[in-house]
Protein backbone atom coordinates (compact mmCIF):
# COMPACT_ATOMS: atom_id res chain seq x y z
CA MET A 1 14.79 -132.41 -9.33
CA GLN A 2 12.12 -134.17 -7.29
CA LEU A 3 11.69 -136.96 -9.85
CA ALA A 4 15.45 -137.45 -10.09
CA ALA A 5 15.69 -137.57 -6.29
CA TRP A 6 12.89 -140.16 -6.10
CA ASN A 7 14.88 -142.32 -8.54
CA TYR A 8 17.71 -142.39 -5.96
CA GLU A 9 15.29 -143.08 -3.06
CA VAL A 10 15.59 -139.51 -1.78
CA GLY A 11 12.37 -137.93 -0.54
CA SER A 12 11.42 -134.32 -1.15
CA GLY A 13 8.76 -131.78 -0.33
CA ILE A 14 7.83 -128.26 -1.37
CA ILE A 15 7.73 -125.67 1.41
CA THR A 16 5.85 -122.42 0.79
CA GLU A 17 5.54 -121.02 4.32
CA ILE A 18 8.96 -119.44 4.49
CA LYS A 19 10.51 -117.14 7.06
CA GLU A 20 11.99 -115.08 4.25
CA ASP A 21 14.18 -112.77 6.38
CA LYS A 22 15.82 -115.72 8.15
CA LEU A 23 16.28 -117.60 4.87
CA ARG A 24 17.90 -114.55 3.26
CA LYS A 25 20.25 -114.13 6.23
CA ASP A 26 21.18 -117.83 6.49
CA PHE A 27 21.86 -118.30 2.78
CA GLY A 28 22.91 -114.81 1.69
CA ILE A 29 20.00 -114.36 -0.72
CA PRO A 30 19.94 -110.81 -2.16
CA GLN A 31 16.82 -108.63 -1.82
CA GLU A 32 16.32 -108.39 -5.59
CA LEU A 33 15.47 -112.12 -5.71
CA SER A 34 11.99 -113.28 -4.75
CA VAL A 35 11.80 -116.45 -2.65
CA THR A 36 8.43 -118.15 -3.18
CA ALA A 37 9.16 -121.79 -2.39
CA VAL A 38 11.88 -124.09 -1.11
CA ILE A 39 12.29 -127.79 -1.91
CA GLY A 40 13.67 -129.89 0.92
CA PHE A 41 15.45 -133.19 0.20
CA GLY A 42 16.35 -136.04 2.51
CA TYR A 43 16.42 -139.76 3.12
CA PRO A 44 13.09 -140.98 4.50
CA GLN A 45 12.95 -143.07 7.67
CA ARG A 46 11.11 -145.80 5.80
CA ARG A 47 11.63 -147.08 2.27
CA LEU A 48 9.84 -145.28 -0.57
CA THR A 49 7.50 -147.76 -2.22
CA GLY A 50 5.74 -145.76 -4.88
CA ASN A 51 2.52 -147.59 -4.04
CA ARG A 52 -0.67 -146.07 -5.41
CA LYS A 53 -2.35 -143.74 -2.97
CA ASN A 54 -6.07 -143.59 -2.31
CA ARG A 55 -6.73 -140.32 -4.15
CA ILE A 56 -9.77 -138.69 -5.72
CA PRO A 57 -9.90 -139.55 -9.44
CA LEU A 58 -8.66 -136.69 -11.60
CA HIS A 59 -11.96 -136.39 -13.50
CA GLU A 60 -13.72 -135.68 -10.17
CA LEU A 61 -11.21 -133.02 -9.18
CA VAL A 62 -10.40 -131.07 -12.37
CA TYR A 63 -12.72 -128.55 -14.00
CA ASN A 64 -12.58 -127.14 -17.54
CA GLU A 65 -12.43 -123.33 -17.87
CA LYS A 66 -15.12 -122.68 -15.22
CA PHE A 67 -15.70 -124.05 -11.74
CA ARG A 68 -18.00 -127.11 -11.75
CA THR A 69 -17.70 -127.56 -15.52
CA ARG A 70 -16.44 -131.06 -16.27
CA LYS A 71 -14.27 -131.68 -19.28
CA ARG A 72 -16.09 -133.80 -21.82
CA SER A 73 -14.21 -136.80 -23.21
């Protein structure tokens, strides 16, 4: 859903800190369903560019099976 929204220049974000009782009341969600996350959608104030962000390279961030064990190429 998030990728499809991005294609139409709609922004989105995952929300995990939920006031579950209020959410259940506002949207009529039954108790037998577990609410773990909500995805919010909307039009951003500025245009989505898709420019590359300055992020840590994946090989510096991801470990293989155990913490601090790099995956060998």
